[in-house]
Amino acid sequence: MAVNIILADDHALFREGLLSILNDELGFTVVAQAENGREVVKLARKMEVDVIVMDIAMPELNGIEATSQVLHDNPDIKVIALSMHSDRHFVQGMLKAGAKGYLLKDCAGGELISAVREVLQDRYYISEEISTSVLNDYVGKLVDEGNEVSELTSREKEVLQLIAEGKSTQGIAETLFISVKTVEAHRVKIKTKLKLNSIPELTKYAIREGLTSLE
């Protein structure tokens, strides 16, 4: 069976390594690459794709929100998170968004191949290095109850990430194809919901909740 794969990671050299591993596997073809979450959402909408290998910490739109948007458009696509983060926030965020796999970036190439084959069978594949307690917590609670970021809409999360990454109000409006007034309205709602007032506070919050890493 032919398997079409998209690679989404903001580090070109890392993508090239994954490209070599995946294209060497019989039946696997990397059909596209993306360097940010917004780009992978666009690619997934216009291409025939079976699996997306998704980094979490990407500019403009992080992997969690990108996964949510991709699967909203096409729930048949299988997403595998590939991250250097094993924290509970990141693992739960990706699983809640609909990812079927979660690997750490130092995994062997063979493990990535195994993960692709598992998710194609509609099974989960979680790296052994992810602690059992993290997974048990996810299964038991599914999401963090009372976590303020869960109260933000998808668009508000996008705006918050772009604010944290230093984009101006005009820049955010142009990136999201919305008006400046709409951006300002989102900013007010975000500050109200999170009870935060300054850009540094919003930035720290976005980093802590995995919306951006500013790497």
N, C-alpha and C. Protein backbone atom coordinates (compact mmCIF):
# COMPACT_ATOMS: atom_id res chain seq x y z
N MET A 1 0.84 -1.20 0.00
CA MET A 1 0.00 0.00 0.00
C MET A 1 0.88 1.26 0.00
N ALA A 2 0.61 2.16 -0.91
CA ALA A 2 1.36 3.41 -0.97
C ALA A 2 0.93 4.31 0.18
N VAL A 3 1.90 4.89 0.86
CA VAL A 3 1.65 5.76 2.00
C VAL A 3 2.25 7.14 1.72
N ASN A 4 1.40 8.15 1.64
CA ASN A 4 1.86 9.52 1.41
C ASN A 4 2.03 10.24 2.74
N ILE A 5 3.20 10.87 2.91
CA ILE A 5 3.57 11.46 4.20
C ILE A 5 3.98 12.92 4.01
N ILE A 6 3.56 13.76 4.95
CA ILE A 6 4.04 15.15 5.02
C ILE A 6 4.91 15.29 6.26
N LEU A 7 6.04 15.95 6.12
CA LEU A 7 6.93 16.24 7.24
C LEU A 7 6.75 17.71 7.64
N ALA A 8 6.50 17.96 8.91
CA ALA A 8 6.33 19.33 9.39
C ALA A 8 7.30 19.58 10.53
N ASP A 9 8.32 20.37 10.26
CA ASP A 9 9.33 20.71 11.26
C ASP A 9 10.05 21.96 10.78
N ASP A 10 10.38 22.86 11.71
CA ASP A 10 11.00 24.11 11.28
C ASP A 10 12.52 24.02 11.12
N HIS A 11 13.10 22.84 11.32
CA HIS A 11 14.54 22.67 11.12
C HIS A 11 14.78 21.85 9.85
N ALA A 12 15.35 22.49 8.84
CA ALA A 12 15.51 21.86 7.53
C ALA A 12 16.40 20.61 7.59
N LEU A 13 17.49 20.67 8.35
CA LEU A 13 18.39 19.53 8.42
C LEU A 13 17.72 18.33 9.06
N PHE A 14 16.90 18.57 10.06
CA PHE A 14 16.18 17.48 10.71
C PHE A 14 15.18 16.86 9.73
N ARG A 15 14.50 17.71 8.97
CA ARG A 15 13.56 17.19 7.97
C ARG A 15 14.27 16.33 6.94
N GLU A 16 15.45 16.74 6.54
CA GLU A 16 16.19 15.97 5.54
C GLU A 16 16.52 14.58 6.06
N GLY A 17 16.85 14.50 7.35
CA GLY A 17 17.13 13.20 7.94
C GLY A 17 15.91 12.30 7.94
N LEU A 18 14.76 12.88 8.30
CA LEU A 18 13.51 12.12 8.28
C LEU A 18 13.14 11.71 6.85
N LEU A 19 13.36 12.61 5.92
CA LEU A 19 13.06 12.33 4.51
C LEU A 19 13.80 11.09 4.04
N SER A 20 15.08 11.01 4.38
CA SER A 20 15.89 9.87 3.97
C SER A 20 15.38 8.57 4.59
N ILE A 21 15.05 8.61 5.88
CA ILE A 21 14.56 7.42 6.59
C ILE A 21 13.25 6.92 5.98
N LEU A 22 12.33 7.84 5.77
CA LEU A 22 10.99 7.45 5.31
C LEU A 22 10.97 7.03 3.85
N ASN A 23 11.70 7.76 3.01
CA ASN A 23 11.70 7.42 1.58
C ASN A 23 12.43 6.12 1.28
N ASP A 24 13.27 5.68 2.22
CA ASP A 24 13.98 4.41 2.04
C ASP A 24 13.09 3.22 2.35
N GLU A 25 11.95 3.47 2.98
CA GLU A 25 11.04 2.40 3.34
C GLU A 25 10.10 2.11 2.16
N LEU A 26 10.01 0.86 1.77
CA LEU A 26 9.19 0.47 0.63
C LEU A 26 7.74 0.89 0.83
N GLY A 27 7.20 1.63 -0.12
CA GLY A 27 5.80 2.05 -0.09
C GLY A 27 5.57 3.40 0.57
N PHE A 28 6.60 3.95 1.21
CA PHE A 28 6.48 5.25 1.87
C PHE A 28 7.01 6.35 0.94
N THR A 29 6.26 7.44 0.82
CA THR A 29 6.72 8.57 0.02
C THR A 29 6.43 9.87 0.75
N VAL A 30 7.46 10.66 0.96
CA VAL A 30 7.27 12.00 1.53
C VAL A 30 6.85 12.91 0.38
N VAL A 31 5.61 13.35 0.40
CA VAL A 31 5.07 14.13 -0.72
C VAL A 31 5.22 15.63 -0.53
N ALA A 32 5.50 16.06 0.70
CA ALA A 32 5.66 17.50 0.95
C ALA A 32 6.33 17.72 2.30
N GLN A 33 6.91 18.93 2.44
CA GLN A 33 7.51 19.34 3.70
C GLN A 33 6.99 20.72 4.07
N ALA A 34 6.88 20.96 5.38
CA ALA A 34 6.41 22.26 5.87
C ALA A 34 7.31 22.71 7.01
N GLU A 35 7.52 24.03 7.10
CA GLU A 35 8.39 24.55 8.15
C GLU A 35 7.63 25.27 9.25
N ASN A 36 6.30 25.35 9.11
CA ASN A 36 5.49 25.89 10.20
C ASN A 36 4.09 25.28 10.14
N GLY A 37 3.36 25.44 11.24
CA GLY A 37 2.05 24.81 11.34
C GLY A 37 1.05 25.30 10.32
N ARG A 38 1.10 26.59 10.01
CA ARG A 38 0.14 27.15 9.05
C ARG A 38 0.35 26.54 7.66
N GLU A 39 1.60 26.31 7.32
CA GLU A 39 1.91 25.73 6.01
C GLU A 39 1.42 24.28 5.91
N VAL A 40 1.58 23.51 6.99
CA VAL A 40 1.16 22.10 6.92
C VAL A 40 -0.37 21.99 6.84
N VAL A 41 -1.09 22.91 7.46
CA VAL A 41 -2.56 22.90 7.36
C VAL A 41 -2.97 23.13 5.90
N LYS A 42 -2.31 24.08 5.24
CA LYS A 42 -2.62 24.37 3.84
C LYS A 42 -2.30 23.17 2.95
N LEU A 43 -1.14 22.53 3.19
CA LEU A 43 -0.75 21.38 2.38
C LEU A 43 -1.73 20.22 2.54
N ALA A 44 -2.17 19.99 3.77
CA ALA A 44 -3.07 18.88 4.05
C ALA A 44 -4.43 19.08 3.38
N ARG A 45 -4.80 20.34 3.15
CA ARG A 45 -6.09 20.62 2.52
C ARG A 45 -6.08 20.36 1.02
N LYS A 46 -4.90 20.43 0.41
CA LYS A 46 -4.87 20.33 -1.05
C LYS A 46 -4.18 19.06 -1.57
N MET A 47 -3.63 18.24 -0.66
CA MET A 47 -2.89 17.06 -1.11
C MET A 47 -3.53 15.79 -0.57
N GLU A 48 -3.27 14.68 -1.27
CA GLU A 48 -3.66 13.36 -0.79
C GLU A 48 -2.59 12.92 0.19
N VAL A 49 -2.94 12.82 1.46
CA VAL A 49 -1.94 12.49 2.48
C VAL A 49 -2.53 11.50 3.48
N ASP A 50 -1.70 10.56 3.90
CA ASP A 50 -2.12 9.55 4.86
C ASP A 50 -1.61 9.84 6.27
N VAL A 51 -0.36 10.30 6.34
CA VAL A 51 0.29 10.51 7.64
C VAL A 51 1.02 11.85 7.63
N ILE A 52 0.94 12.55 8.75
CA ILE A 52 1.75 13.75 8.95
C ILE A 52 2.63 13.53 10.17
N VAL A 53 3.94 13.70 9.99
CA VAL A 53 4.88 13.68 11.11
C VAL A 53 5.05 15.13 11.54
N MET A 54 4.58 15.44 12.74
CA MET A 54 4.37 16.83 13.16
C MET A 54 5.23 17.23 14.35
N ASP A 55 6.09 18.22 14.16
CA ASP A 55 6.79 18.82 15.29
C ASP A 55 5.78 19.63 16.09
N ILE A 56 6.05 19.85 17.36
CA ILE A 56 5.14 20.65 18.18
C ILE A 56 5.55 22.12 18.19
N ALA A 57 6.82 22.37 18.41
CA ALA A 57 7.30 23.75 18.56
C ALA A 57 7.65 24.34 17.20
N MET A 58 6.63 24.86 16.50
CA MET A 58 6.84 25.50 15.21
C MET A 58 6.33 26.93 15.25
N PRO A 59 6.92 27.82 14.46
CA PRO A 59 6.48 29.22 14.44
C PRO A 59 5.13 29.39 13.76
N GLU A 60 4.49 30.53 14.05
CA GLU A 60 3.22 30.97 13.45
C GLU A 60 2.02 30.15 13.92
N LEU A 61 2.13 28.82 13.87
CA LEU A 61 1.07 27.96 14.37
C LEU A 61 1.73 26.69 14.90
N ASN A 62 1.58 26.43 16.20
CA ASN A 62 2.26 25.28 16.80
C ASN A 62 1.62 23.97 16.35
N GLY A 63 2.32 22.87 16.62
CA GLY A 63 1.87 21.56 16.16
C GLY A 63 0.56 21.10 16.74
N ILE A 64 0.25 21.52 17.98
CA ILE A 64 -1.01 21.12 18.60
C ILE A 64 -2.19 21.74 17.85
N GLU A 65 -2.12 23.05 17.61
CA GLU A 65 -3.21 23.71 16.89
C GLU A 65 -3.27 23.27 15.43
N ALA A 66 -2.09 23.05 14.84
CA ALA A 66 -2.06 22.58 13.45
C ALA A 66 -2.73 21.21 13.34
N THR A 67 -2.45 20.33 14.29
CA THR A 67 -3.08 19.00 14.30
C THR A 67 -4.59 19.12 14.41
N SER A 68 -5.05 19.96 15.31
CA SER A 68 -6.48 20.16 15.50
C SER A 68 -7.15 20.63 14.21
N GLN A 69 -6.52 21.59 13.52
CA GLN A 69 -7.10 22.12 12.29
C GLN A 69 -7.06 21.11 11.15
N VAL A 70 -5.94 20.38 11.05
CA VAL A 70 -5.83 19.36 9.99
C VAL A 70 -6.90 18.30 10.15
N LEU A 71 -7.09 17.82 11.38
CA LEU A 71 -8.04 16.73 11.61
C LEU A 71 -9.49 17.21 11.59
N HIS A 72 -9.69 18.48 11.82
CA HIS A 72 -11.03 19.04 11.66
C HIS A 72 -11.45 18.96 10.19
N ASP A 73 -10.48 19.24 9.30
CA ASP A 73 -10.76 19.20 7.86
C ASP A 73 -10.80 17.77 7.33
N ASN A 74 -9.91 16.91 7.85
CA ASN A 74 -9.82 15.54 7.36
C ASN A 74 -9.45 14.59 8.49
N PRO A 75 -10.43 14.04 9.18
CA PRO A 75 -10.16 13.19 10.34
C PRO A 75 -9.51 11.85 10.00
N ASP A 76 -9.41 11.52 8.72
CA ASP A 76 -8.79 10.26 8.33
C ASP A 76 -7.26 10.33 8.31
N ILE A 77 -6.70 11.53 8.31
CA ILE A 77 -5.26 11.68 8.34
C ILE A 77 -4.73 11.26 9.71
N LYS A 78 -3.62 10.54 9.73
CA LYS A 78 -2.99 10.13 10.98
C LYS A 78 -1.82 11.07 11.28
N VAL A 79 -1.82 11.61 12.48
CA VAL A 79 -0.75 12.53 12.88
C VAL A 79 0.12 11.88 13.93
N ILE A 80 1.43 11.95 13.71
CA ILE A 80 2.41 11.49 14.69
C ILE A 80 3.20 12.69 15.17
N ALA A 81 3.14 12.96 16.47
CA ALA A 81 3.93 14.05 17.04
C ALA A 81 5.37 13.58 17.18
N LEU A 82 6.29 14.44 16.78
CA LEU A 82 7.72 14.15 16.93
C LEU A 82 8.34 15.36 17.61
N SER A 83 8.69 15.20 18.88
CA SER A 83 9.07 16.35 19.68
C SER A 83 10.24 16.00 20.61
N MET A 84 10.94 17.02 21.07
CA MET A 84 11.96 16.78 22.08
C MET A 84 11.37 16.96 23.48
N HIS A 85 10.08 17.28 23.56
CA HIS A 85 9.41 17.50 24.83
C HIS A 85 8.62 16.27 25.26
N SER A 86 8.83 15.82 26.49
CA SER A 86 8.06 14.71 27.03
C SER A 86 7.12 15.18 28.14
N ASP A 87 7.01 16.50 28.33
CA ASP A 87 6.15 17.05 29.38
C ASP A 87 4.69 16.68 29.17
N ARG A 88 3.97 16.60 30.28
CA ARG A 88 2.55 16.24 30.26
C ARG A 88 1.73 17.17 29.37
N HIS A 89 2.02 18.50 29.43
CA HIS A 89 1.25 19.47 28.65
C HIS A 89 1.32 19.14 27.15
N PHE A 90 2.51 18.82 26.67
CA PHE A 90 2.69 18.57 25.25
C PHE A 90 2.04 17.26 24.82
N VAL A 91 2.27 16.21 25.61
CA VAL A 91 1.70 14.90 25.28
C VAL A 91 0.18 14.97 25.28
N GLN A 92 -0.39 15.51 26.35
CA GLN A 92 -1.85 15.60 26.43
C GLN A 92 -2.41 16.52 25.35
N GLY A 93 -1.70 17.61 25.09
CA GLY A 93 -2.17 18.54 24.07
C GLY A 93 -2.27 17.89 22.70
N MET A 94 -1.25 17.11 22.32
CA MET A 94 -1.27 16.46 21.02
C MET A 94 -2.31 15.35 20.96
N LEU A 95 -2.43 14.56 22.03
CA LEU A 95 -3.42 13.49 22.03
C LEU A 95 -4.84 14.06 22.00
N LYS A 96 -5.06 15.12 22.75
CA LYS A 96 -6.39 15.76 22.75
C LYS A 96 -6.71 16.32 21.37
N ALA A 97 -5.68 16.83 20.68
CA ALA A 97 -5.90 17.38 19.34
C ALA A 97 -6.20 16.29 18.31
N GLY A 98 -5.89 15.03 18.67
CA GLY A 98 -6.21 13.93 17.77
C GLY A 98 -5.04 13.14 17.23
N ALA A 99 -3.82 13.46 17.67
CA ALA A 99 -2.65 12.71 17.21
C ALA A 99 -2.76 11.25 17.63
N LYS A 100 -2.28 10.35 16.78
CA LYS A 100 -2.31 8.91 17.09
C LYS A 100 -0.96 8.41 17.59
N GLY A 101 0.07 9.24 17.45
CA GLY A 101 1.39 8.81 17.89
C GLY A 101 2.16 9.96 18.52
N TYR A 102 3.10 9.60 19.39
CA TYR A 102 3.95 10.61 20.03
C TYR A 102 5.34 10.01 20.23
N LEU A 103 6.32 10.55 19.51
CA LEU A 103 7.70 10.09 19.59
C LEU A 103 8.60 11.23 20.02
N LEU A 104 9.71 10.87 20.67
CA LEU A 104 10.73 11.86 20.99
C LEU A 104 11.73 11.93 19.84
N LYS A 105 12.32 13.09 19.65
CA LYS A 105 13.16 13.31 18.47
C LYS A 105 14.43 12.48 18.46
N ASP A 106 14.82 11.94 19.61
CA ASP A 106 16.03 11.12 19.62
C ASP A 106 15.73 9.64 19.36
N CYS A 107 14.52 9.37 18.90
CA CYS A 107 14.15 7.97 18.62
C CYS A 107 14.91 7.46 17.39
N ALA A 108 15.04 6.15 17.30
CA ALA A 108 15.71 5.54 16.15
C ALA A 108 14.77 5.58 14.94
N GLY A 109 15.39 5.53 13.76
CA GLY A 109 14.60 5.55 12.53
C GLY A 109 13.61 4.42 12.46
N GLY A 110 14.01 3.24 12.97
CA GLY A 110 13.12 2.09 12.94
C GLY A 110 11.87 2.30 13.76
N GLU A 111 11.99 3.08 14.85
CA GLU A 111 10.81 3.33 15.68
C GLU A 111 9.82 4.22 14.94
N LEU A 112 10.34 5.18 14.18
CA LEU A 112 9.45 6.03 13.39
C LEU A 112 8.69 5.21 12.36
N ILE A 113 9.39 4.30 11.70
CA ILE A 113 8.74 3.42 10.72
C ILE A 113 7.64 2.60 11.40
N SER A 114 7.95 2.05 12.58
CA SER A 114 6.97 1.26 13.32
C SER A 114 5.76 2.10 13.70
N ALA A 115 6.03 3.35 14.11
CA ALA A 115 4.93 4.24 14.50
C ALA A 115 4.01 4.51 13.33
N VAL A 116 4.57 4.76 12.15
CA VAL A 116 3.75 5.02 10.96
C VAL A 116 2.86 3.81 10.67
N ARG A 117 3.44 2.62 10.74
CA ARG A 117 2.66 1.42 10.44
C ARG A 117 1.56 1.20 11.48
N GLU A 118 1.83 1.51 12.73
CA GLU A 118 0.83 1.33 13.78
C GLU A 118 -0.35 2.29 13.60
N VAL A 119 -0.05 3.56 13.38
CA VAL A 119 -1.15 4.53 13.28
C VAL A 119 -2.00 4.29 12.03
N LEU A 120 -1.38 3.73 10.99
CA LEU A 120 -2.15 3.40 9.79
C LEU A 120 -3.18 2.30 10.08
N GLN A 121 -2.95 1.54 11.15
CA GLN A 121 -3.92 0.52 11.59
C GLN A 121 -4.89 1.10 12.60
N ASP A 122 -4.87 2.43 12.73
CA ASP A 122 -5.74 3.15 13.67
C ASP A 122 -5.45 2.78 15.12
N ARG A 123 -4.17 2.49 15.38
CA ARG A 123 -3.73 2.22 16.75
C ARG A 123 -2.80 3.33 17.21
N TYR A 124 -2.72 3.53 18.51
CA TYR A 124 -1.81 4.53 19.06
C TYR A 124 -0.39 3.97 19.14
N TYR A 125 0.58 4.88 18.96
CA TYR A 125 1.99 4.50 19.17
C TYR A 125 2.63 5.61 20.00
N ILE A 126 3.00 5.28 21.23
CA ILE A 126 3.61 6.25 22.13
C ILE A 126 5.01 5.78 22.48
N SER A 127 5.98 6.68 22.37
CA SER A 127 7.37 6.35 22.68
C SER A 127 7.50 5.81 24.09
N GLU A 128 8.32 4.78 24.24
CA GLU A 128 8.52 4.17 25.55
C GLU A 128 9.05 5.15 26.58
N GLU A 129 9.76 6.17 26.11
CA GLU A 129 10.35 7.15 27.04
C GLU A 129 9.30 8.03 27.70
N ILE A 130 8.10 8.11 27.11
CA ILE A 130 7.04 8.89 27.73
C ILE A 130 6.58 8.14 28.98
N SER A 131 6.59 8.82 30.11
CA SER A 131 6.32 8.15 31.38
C SER A 131 4.92 7.57 31.43
N THR A 132 4.81 6.46 32.11
CA THR A 132 3.52 5.80 32.29
C THR A 132 2.53 6.71 33.01
N SER A 133 3.06 7.50 33.94
CA SER A 133 2.19 8.37 34.71
C SER A 133 1.54 9.43 33.82
N VAL A 134 2.29 9.92 32.83
CA VAL A 134 1.73 10.90 31.90
C VAL A 134 0.57 10.29 31.13
N LEU A 135 0.74 9.08 30.63
CA LEU A 135 -0.31 8.42 29.86
C LEU A 135 -1.51 8.08 30.73
N ASN A 136 -1.25 7.60 31.93
CA ASN A 136 -2.35 7.29 32.84
C ASN A 136 -3.16 8.54 33.17
N ASP A 137 -2.45 9.63 33.33
CA ASP A 137 -3.13 10.89 33.64
C ASP A 137 -4.01 11.31 32.48
N TYR A 138 -3.50 11.10 31.25
CA TYR A 138 -4.28 11.46 30.07
C TYR A 138 -5.53 10.58 29.96
N VAL A 139 -5.34 9.28 30.13
CA VAL A 139 -6.47 8.36 30.00
C VAL A 139 -7.51 8.65 31.07
N GLY A 140 -7.04 8.98 32.26
CA GLY A 140 -7.96 9.21 33.37
C GLY A 140 -8.72 10.52 33.28
N LYS A 141 -8.04 11.55 32.83
CA LYS A 141 -8.65 12.88 32.84
C LYS A 141 -8.92 13.43 31.45
N LEU A 142 -8.18 12.91 30.46
CA LEU A 142 -8.27 13.34 29.06
C LEU A 142 -7.73 14.73 28.85
N VAL A 143 -8.17 15.70 29.66
CA VAL A 143 -7.64 17.06 29.54
C VAL A 143 -7.46 17.62 30.93
N ASP A 144 -6.69 18.69 31.04
CA ASP A 144 -6.51 19.38 32.31
C ASP A 144 -7.76 20.15 32.65
N GLU A 145 -8.45 19.75 33.67
CA GLU A 145 -9.65 20.45 34.08
C GLU A 145 -9.25 21.77 34.71
N GLY A 146 -9.94 22.84 34.32
CA GLY A 146 -9.66 24.14 34.91
C GLY A 146 -8.45 24.83 34.32
N ASN A 147 -7.86 24.28 33.28
CA ASN A 147 -6.70 24.91 32.64
C ASN A 147 -7.19 26.04 31.76
N GLU A 148 -6.72 27.26 32.05
CA GLU A 148 -7.27 28.43 31.37
C GLU A 148 -7.12 28.38 29.87
N VAL A 149 -6.01 27.78 29.38
CA VAL A 149 -5.80 27.80 27.93
C VAL A 149 -6.89 27.03 27.21
N SER A 150 -7.52 26.04 27.90
CA SER A 150 -8.59 25.28 27.26
C SER A 150 -9.82 26.14 27.04
N GLU A 151 -9.90 27.28 27.73
CA GLU A 151 -11.04 28.17 27.56
C GLU A 151 -10.89 29.07 26.34
N LEU A 152 -9.69 29.15 25.80
CA LEU A 152 -9.47 29.98 24.61
C LEU A 152 -9.99 29.25 23.38
N THR A 153 -10.54 30.02 22.45
CA THR A 153 -10.95 29.44 21.18
C THR A 153 -9.70 29.14 20.34
N SER A 154 -9.88 28.38 19.29
CA SER A 154 -8.76 28.06 18.40
C SER A 154 -8.13 29.34 17.84
N ARG A 155 -8.96 30.29 17.43
CA ARG A 155 -8.43 31.54 16.87
C ARG A 155 -7.69 32.35 17.95
N GLU A 156 -8.20 32.34 19.18
CA GLU A 156 -7.53 33.06 20.26
C GLU A 156 -6.17 32.44 20.56
N LYS A 157 -6.06 31.12 20.46
CA LYS A 157 -4.77 30.47 20.66
C LYS A 157 -3.79 30.88 19.57
N GLU A 158 -4.29 30.98 18.33
CA GLU A 158 -3.44 31.43 17.23
C GLU A 158 -2.93 32.84 17.49
N VAL A 159 -3.83 33.72 17.90
CA VAL A 159 -3.45 35.12 18.18
C VAL A 159 -2.46 35.17 19.32
N LEU A 160 -2.69 34.38 20.37
CA LEU A 160 -1.77 34.37 21.52
C LEU A 160 -0.38 33.92 21.10
N GLN A 161 -0.29 32.89 20.26
CA GLN A 161 1.02 32.44 19.81
C GLN A 161 1.73 33.54 19.04
N LEU A 162 1.02 34.21 18.16
CA LEU A 162 1.64 35.26 17.35
C LEU A 162 2.04 36.46 18.20
N ILE A 163 1.24 36.77 19.23
CA ILE A 163 1.62 37.84 20.17
C ILE A 163 2.93 37.46 20.86
N ALA A 164 3.00 36.22 21.35
CA ALA A 164 4.19 35.75 22.05
C ALA A 164 5.43 35.75 21.15
N GLU A 165 5.20 35.55 19.85
CA GLU A 165 6.33 35.52 18.91
C GLU A 165 6.70 36.91 18.42
N GLY A 166 6.05 37.94 18.98
CA GLY A 166 6.47 39.30 18.72
C GLY A 166 5.85 39.98 17.53
N LYS A 167 4.82 39.39 16.94
CA LYS A 167 4.18 40.03 15.80
C LYS A 167 3.34 41.22 16.27
N SER A 168 3.34 42.27 15.48
CA SER A 168 2.51 43.44 15.77
C SER A 168 1.05 43.13 15.48
N THR A 169 0.17 44.01 15.93
CA THR A 169 -1.26 43.84 15.65
C THR A 169 -1.51 43.77 14.15
N GLN A 170 -0.85 44.66 13.41
CA GLN A 170 -0.99 44.66 11.95
C GLN A 170 -0.46 43.36 11.36
N GLY A 171 0.68 42.89 11.88
CA GLY A 171 1.27 41.66 11.39
C GLY A 171 0.38 40.46 11.64
N ILE A 172 -0.25 40.43 12.81
CA ILE A 172 -1.17 39.33 13.13
C ILE A 172 -2.37 39.37 12.18
N ALA A 173 -2.89 40.58 11.95
CA ALA A 173 -4.04 40.73 11.06
C ALA A 173 -3.71 40.21 9.66
N GLU A 174 -2.53 40.52 9.17
CA GLU A 174 -2.13 40.09 7.83
C GLU A 174 -1.92 38.57 7.78
N THR A 175 -1.33 38.01 8.84
CA THR A 175 -1.09 36.57 8.88
C THR A 175 -2.38 35.77 8.90
N LEU A 176 -3.37 36.25 9.65
CA LEU A 176 -4.62 35.53 9.82
C LEU A 176 -5.73 35.99 8.87
N PHE A 177 -5.42 37.01 8.05
CA PHE A 177 -6.39 37.56 7.10
C PHE A 177 -7.65 38.05 7.81
N ILE A 178 -7.43 38.79 8.89
CA ILE A 178 -8.53 39.41 9.62
C ILE A 178 -8.20 40.88 9.82
N SER A 179 -9.17 41.67 10.30
CA SER A 179 -8.94 43.09 10.48
C SER A 179 -8.17 43.38 11.76
N VAL A 180 -7.56 44.56 11.82
CA VAL A 180 -6.85 44.99 13.01
C VAL A 180 -7.80 45.05 14.20
N LYS A 181 -9.02 45.53 13.96
CA LYS A 181 -10.01 45.62 15.05
C LYS A 181 -10.34 44.24 15.61
N THR A 182 -10.39 43.24 14.73
CA THR A 182 -10.68 41.88 15.19
C THR A 182 -9.53 41.36 16.04
N VAL A 183 -8.30 41.64 15.62
CA VAL A 183 -7.14 41.23 16.41
C VAL A 183 -7.19 41.88 17.79
N GLU A 184 -7.50 43.17 17.83
CA GLU A 184 -7.57 43.88 19.10
C GLU A 184 -8.65 43.29 20.01
N ALA A 185 -9.77 42.89 19.40
CA ALA A 185 -10.86 42.28 20.17
C ALA A 185 -10.41 40.93 20.75
N HIS A 186 -9.69 40.16 19.94
CA HIS A 186 -9.17 38.88 20.43
C HIS A 186 -8.18 39.10 21.58
N ARG A 187 -7.34 40.11 21.42
CA ARG A 187 -6.34 40.40 22.45
C ARG A 187 -7.01 40.71 23.80
N VAL A 188 -8.08 41.51 23.75
CA VAL A 188 -8.80 41.86 24.97
C VAL A 188 -9.41 40.61 25.61
N LYS A 189 -10.01 39.75 24.78
CA LYS A 189 -10.63 38.53 25.30
C LYS A 189 -9.59 37.60 25.92
N ILE A 190 -8.43 37.50 25.27
CA ILE A 190 -7.36 36.64 25.78
C ILE A 190 -6.89 37.13 27.15
N LYS A 191 -6.66 38.43 27.26
CA LYS A 191 -6.20 39.00 28.53
C LYS A 191 -7.25 38.80 29.62
N THR A 192 -8.51 38.95 29.26
CA THR A 192 -9.59 38.79 30.23
C THR A 192 -9.68 37.34 30.71
N LYS A 193 -9.66 36.41 29.77
CA LYS A 193 -9.78 34.99 30.13
C LYS A 193 -8.60 34.51 30.96
N LEU A 194 -7.40 34.96 30.61
CA LEU A 194 -6.20 34.49 31.29
C LEU A 194 -5.84 35.34 32.51
N LYS A 195 -6.53 36.48 32.64
CA LYS A 195 -6.25 37.42 33.74
C LYS A 195 -4.78 37.87 33.72
N LEU A 196 -4.32 38.14 32.52
CA LEU A 196 -2.95 38.63 32.31
C LEU A 196 -3.02 39.92 31.51
N ASN A 197 -2.11 40.85 31.79
CA ASN A 197 -2.21 42.16 31.15
C ASN A 197 -1.04 42.52 30.23
N SER A 198 0.15 42.03 30.54
CA SER A 198 1.32 42.47 29.78
C SER A 198 1.76 41.44 28.75
N ILE A 199 2.50 41.91 27.74
CA ILE A 199 3.05 41.02 26.72
C ILE A 199 3.99 39.99 27.34
N PRO A 200 4.91 40.38 28.24
CA PRO A 200 5.78 39.38 28.87
C PRO A 200 5.00 38.29 29.60
N GLU A 201 3.91 38.67 30.27
CA GLU A 201 3.09 37.67 30.97
C GLU A 201 2.44 36.71 29.98
N LEU A 202 1.91 37.27 28.89
CA LEU A 202 1.28 36.43 27.88
C LEU A 202 2.30 35.51 27.22
N THR A 203 3.50 36.03 26.99
CA THR A 203 4.56 35.23 26.37
C THR A 203 4.97 34.07 27.27
N LYS A 204 5.18 34.35 28.55
CA LYS A 204 5.55 33.29 29.49
C LYS A 204 4.46 32.23 29.55
N TYR A 205 3.22 32.68 29.53
CA TYR A 205 2.10 31.75 29.58
C TYR A 205 2.07 30.86 28.35
N ALA A 206 2.26 31.47 27.17
CA ALA A 206 2.22 30.71 25.92
C ALA A 206 3.32 29.66 25.88
N ILE A 207 4.50 30.00 26.39
CA ILE A 207 5.61 29.05 26.42
C ILE A 207 5.30 27.92 27.40
N ARG A 208 4.81 28.28 28.58
CA ARG A 208 4.53 27.27 29.60
C ARG A 208 3.46 26.28 29.15
N GLU A 209 2.48 26.75 28.38
CA GLU A 209 1.39 25.88 27.94
C GLU A 209 1.66 25.19 26.61
N GLY A 210 2.88 25.39 26.07
CA GLY A 210 3.25 24.69 24.85
C GLY A 210 2.71 25.29 23.56
N LEU A 211 2.19 26.51 23.64
CA LEU A 211 1.69 27.16 22.41
C LEU A 211 2.84 27.65 21.54
N THR A 212 3.96 27.95 22.15
CA THR A 212 5.15 28.36 21.42
C THR A 212 6.35 28.05 22.26
N SER A 213 7.48 27.85 21.61
CA SER A 213 8.71 27.59 22.36
C SER A 213 9.70 28.74 22.19
N LEU A 214 9.46 29.58 21.14
CA LEU A 214 10.37 30.67 20.80
C LEU A 214 11.80 30.17 20.62
N GLU A 215 11.94 28.95 20.06
CA GLU A 215 13.26 28.41 19.82
C GLU A 215 13.90 29.09 18.63
